[in-house]
Protein backbone atom coordinates (compact mmCIF):
# COMPACT_ATOMS: atom_id res chain seq x y z
CA MET A 1 14.92 139.97 157.55
CA SER A 2 13.14 136.72 157.24
CA PHE A 3 11.92 134.69 154.75
CA ASP A 4 9.00 131.80 154.92
CA SER A 5 9.95 129.23 152.40
CA SER A 6 6.56 127.18 153.49
CA ALA A 7 4.89 130.14 151.47
CA MET A 8 6.94 129.76 148.30
CA PRO A 9 5.12 129.07 145.10
CA TRP A 10 5.79 126.86 142.32
CA VAL A 11 8.20 128.55 139.93
CA ARG A 12 8.99 127.98 136.10
CA MET A 13 12.28 126.31 135.46
CA PRO A 14 13.05 125.75 131.68
CA THR A 15 16.03 123.65 131.12
CA VAL A 16 17.57 122.07 128.04
CA HIS A 17 15.75 118.71 129.05
CA GLY A 18 12.37 120.40 129.02
CA GLU A 19 10.11 122.51 131.47
CA PHE A 20 9.53 122.05 134.85
CA SER A 21 8.11 123.66 137.88
CA ALA A 22 10.48 124.39 140.81
CA ARG A 23 9.90 124.59 144.32
CA VAL A 24 12.22 124.75 147.87
CA PHE A 25 10.90 122.35 150.67
CA SER A 26 12.55 122.98 153.97
CA VAL A 27 12.92 119.51 155.76
CA GLN A 28 14.52 119.29 159.30
CA GLY A 29 16.36 122.28 158.84
CA GLU A 30 18.02 121.68 155.05
CA GLU A 31 16.52 123.46 151.96
CA HIS A 32 15.84 120.96 149.09
CA LEU A 33 15.02 121.72 145.40
CA VAL A 34 12.32 119.91 143.86
CA LEU A 35 11.49 119.91 140.15
CA LYS A 36 8.10 118.69 138.97
CA ARG A 37 7.02 117.79 135.67
CA GLY A 38 3.11 117.20 135.15
CA ASP A 39 0.16 116.41 137.51
CA VAL A 40 1.86 114.16 139.68
CA ALA A 41 -0.75 114.21 142.58
CA GLY A 42 -2.52 110.77 142.57
CA THR A 43 -0.97 109.69 139.23
CA PRO A 44 0.01 106.12 139.08
CA GLY A 45 3.81 105.23 138.04
CA VAL A 46 5.52 108.92 138.64
CA LEU A 47 8.90 108.74 137.34
CA VAL A 48 10.83 110.10 140.59
CA ARG A 49 14.66 110.53 140.82
CA ILE A 50 16.03 111.33 144.50
CA HIS A 51 19.34 112.99 143.58
CA SER A 52 22.17 113.43 146.76
CA GLU A 53 23.95 116.98 146.36
CA CYS A 54 27.40 116.39 144.80
CA LEU A 55 29.16 119.78 144.15
CA THR A 56 32.09 118.46 142.55
CA GLY A 57 30.07 116.24 140.33
CA ASP A 58 27.07 117.98 139.35
CA ALA A 59 28.34 121.69 139.17
CA LEU A 60 32.15 121.12 138.46
CA PHE A 61 31.76 118.04 136.44
CA SER A 62 34.37 115.96 138.06
CA ARG A 63 35.31 112.69 136.57
CA ARG A 64 35.90 111.14 140.04
CA CYS A 65 31.92 109.94 140.36
CA ASP A 66 29.21 109.57 138.10
CA CYS A 67 26.84 111.81 139.88
CA GLY A 68 27.09 114.71 137.27
CA PRO A 69 25.97 112.25 134.65
CA GLN A 70 23.31 110.54 136.59
CA LEU A 71 21.55 114.05 137.30
CA ALA A 72 22.07 114.77 133.25
CA ARG A 73 20.32 111.58 132.61
CA SER A 74 17.69 111.79 134.94
CA LEU A 75 16.68 115.09 133.78
CA GLU A 76 16.56 113.98 130.50
CA LEU A 77 14.31 111.08 131.16
CA LEU A 78 12.28 113.11 133.37
CA GLY A 79 11.82 115.49 130.71
CA GLN A 80 10.45 113.10 128.67
CA ALA A 81 7.96 112.02 131.18
CA GLN A 82 4.31 112.92 131.33
CA ALA A 83 4.81 113.18 135.23
CA GLY A 84 7.80 113.28 136.96
CA VAL A 85 9.78 114.70 140.14
CA LEU A 86 13.42 115.35 140.86
CA VAL A 87 14.21 115.79 144.66
CA TYR A 88 17.50 117.45 144.89
CA LEU A 89 18.91 116.64 148.15
CA ARG A 90 20.98 119.30 149.76
CA GLY A 91 23.26 118.47 152.55
CA GLN A 92 24.29 115.18 151.38
CA GLU A 93 27.62 115.65 150.15
CA GLY A 94 30.05 112.71 149.85
CA ARG A 95 27.30 110.09 150.62
CA GLY A 96 26.07 112.38 153.68
CA ILE A 97 29.80 113.01 155.07
CA GLY A 98 30.03 116.82 153.94
CA LEU A 99 32.30 118.47 151.10
CA ARG A 100 35.35 118.92 153.66
CA ALA A 101 35.53 115.11 154.63
CA LYS A 102 34.79 114.32 151.02
CA LEU A 103 38.13 115.97 149.88
CA ALA A 104 39.75 114.27 152.74
CA ALA A 105 38.24 111.14 151.49
CA TYR A 106 39.62 112.01 148.15
CA ALA A 107 43.16 112.32 149.37
CA LEU A 108 42.89 108.50 150.53
CA GLN A 109 41.62 107.25 147.63
CA ASP A 110 44.49 108.99 145.68
CA GLN A 111 46.80 106.68 147.99
CA GLY A 112 44.60 103.56 147.03
CA LEU A 113 41.75 103.05 149.19
CA ASP A 114 38.44 102.69 147.80
CA THR A 115 35.53 105.15 148.67
CA VAL A 116 34.21 102.70 151.54
CA ASP A 117 37.63 102.13 153.24
CA ALA A 118 38.88 105.66 152.89
CA ASN A 119 35.23 106.79 155.07
CA LEU A 120 35.87 104.05 157.29
CA HIS A 121 39.44 105.33 158.21
CA LEU A 122 38.27 108.62 158.64
CA GLY A 123 36.10 106.93 161.24
CA LEU A 124 32.90 108.23 159.18
CA PRO A 125 29.99 106.05 158.07
CA VAL A 126 30.27 104.35 154.74
CA ASP A 127 26.80 106.16 153.55
CA ALA A 128 25.12 108.49 156.02
CA ARG A 129 22.67 109.53 153.92
CA SER A 130 18.85 109.52 154.96
CA TYR A 131 15.92 109.74 152.52
CA GLU A 132 13.26 110.23 155.65
CA GLY A 133 12.40 113.68 154.40
CA VAL A 134 11.95 112.34 150.88
CA VAL A 135 8.81 110.61 152.21
CA GLU A 136 7.49 113.64 153.52
CA ILE A 137 8.08 115.74 150.27
CA LEU A 138 6.54 113.04 147.81
CA THR A 139 3.66 112.64 150.27
CA THR A 140 2.89 116.22 150.38
CA LEU A 141 3.22 116.65 146.45
CA GLY A 142 0.46 113.64 146.74
CA VAL A 143 2.83 111.02 144.90
CA ARG A 144 1.96 107.72 146.19
CA GLN A 145 3.11 105.07 143.16
CA LEU A 146 6.18 105.78 141.91
CA ARG A 147 8.86 104.55 139.46
CA LEU A 148 12.13 105.05 141.02
CA LEU A 149 15.38 105.95 138.88
CA THR A 150 17.82 104.64 141.28
CA ASN A 151 20.91 102.01 141.11
CA ASN A 152 20.97 101.87 145.06
CA PRO A 153 19.03 99.20 146.94
CA ASP A 154 19.65 101.10 149.97
CA LYS A 155 17.45 104.02 148.40
CA ILE A 156 14.67 101.63 147.61
CA ARG A 157 14.72 99.97 151.39
CA GLN A 158 14.29 103.46 152.74
CA LEU A 159 11.62 104.82 150.52
CA GLU A 160 9.71 101.67 150.67
CA GLN A 161 7.30 102.76 153.73
CA PRO A 162 3.59 103.75 153.65
CA PRO A 163 2.17 105.80 151.86
CA LEU A 164 4.56 105.41 148.99
CA GLU A 165 4.83 102.18 146.76
CA ILE A 166 7.89 101.81 144.65
CA VAL A 167 6.29 99.90 141.61
CA GLU A 168 9.10 99.68 139.53
CA ARG A 169 12.81 100.33 139.68
CA VAL A 170 14.32 102.10 136.56
CA ALA A 171 17.93 101.61 136.01
CA LEU A 172 19.99 104.88 135.47
CA GLN A 173 22.97 103.77 133.11
CA VAL A 174 25.25 106.09 132.27
CA ALA A 175 28.70 105.82 130.12
CA VAL A 176 31.41 104.81 132.29
CA ASP A 177 34.49 106.97 132.21
CA GLU A 178 37.83 105.14 132.79
CA GLU A 179 38.38 107.66 135.81
CA HIS A 180 35.91 106.47 137.76
CA ARG A 181 35.51 102.90 136.90
CA ALA A 182 36.99 101.73 139.95
CA TYR A 183 34.61 104.27 141.98
CA LEU A 184 31.58 102.23 140.20
CA GLU A 185 33.18 98.91 140.75
CA THR A 186 33.13 99.74 144.74
CA LYS A 187 29.61 100.71 144.70
CA ARG A 188 28.64 97.37 142.70
CA GLN A 189 31.04 95.18 144.81
CA ARG A 190 30.91 96.78 148.36
CA LEU A 191 27.63 98.61 148.38
CA GLY A 192 25.28 96.14 146.07
CA HIS A 193 24.56 98.82 143.41
CA TRP A 194 23.12 97.46 140.30
CA LEU A 195 25.35 98.69 137.81
CA ASP A 196 26.42 97.10 134.21
CA LEU A 197 29.94 97.56 133.70
């Protein structure tokens, strides 16, 4: 039995943050979930969140990272927007190193390494994520001008390519948990993320 995801329709996705339309997009062999609110095709200043999959933070509510709170805050803001898109990128666990390697990096962090040094110690990239498929997804949706919900300068660099135009970066501030403060400090100091701690 096979299933052609390219023929998949938009389906209604009611959430605690409002009602969205949901659809799967297959890009480079990976299935990504897209939630859409309102008419985004050709609309100027569409609010967009590109969220990398984080099983531990998003589904298990781990306090080691701020991924779960970022996702919740993004959905809250998108639920208030006239036009918005959430692209939930699967296959990007642990900044793209995968779940098994992420847990190995956690073990090294428990011994005192930060997230950057833990990845490097494992012989892995600091951040292996790619947002190339996002350009394809947003273009297919007809999004051209966007307001990007992010604190990550690398995400902006990778997405700033025709036909997309980022007209505004919208800060994604969530509460700082003492359990993940060091993680956030590493993102700010070593990866250049815009964070107010």
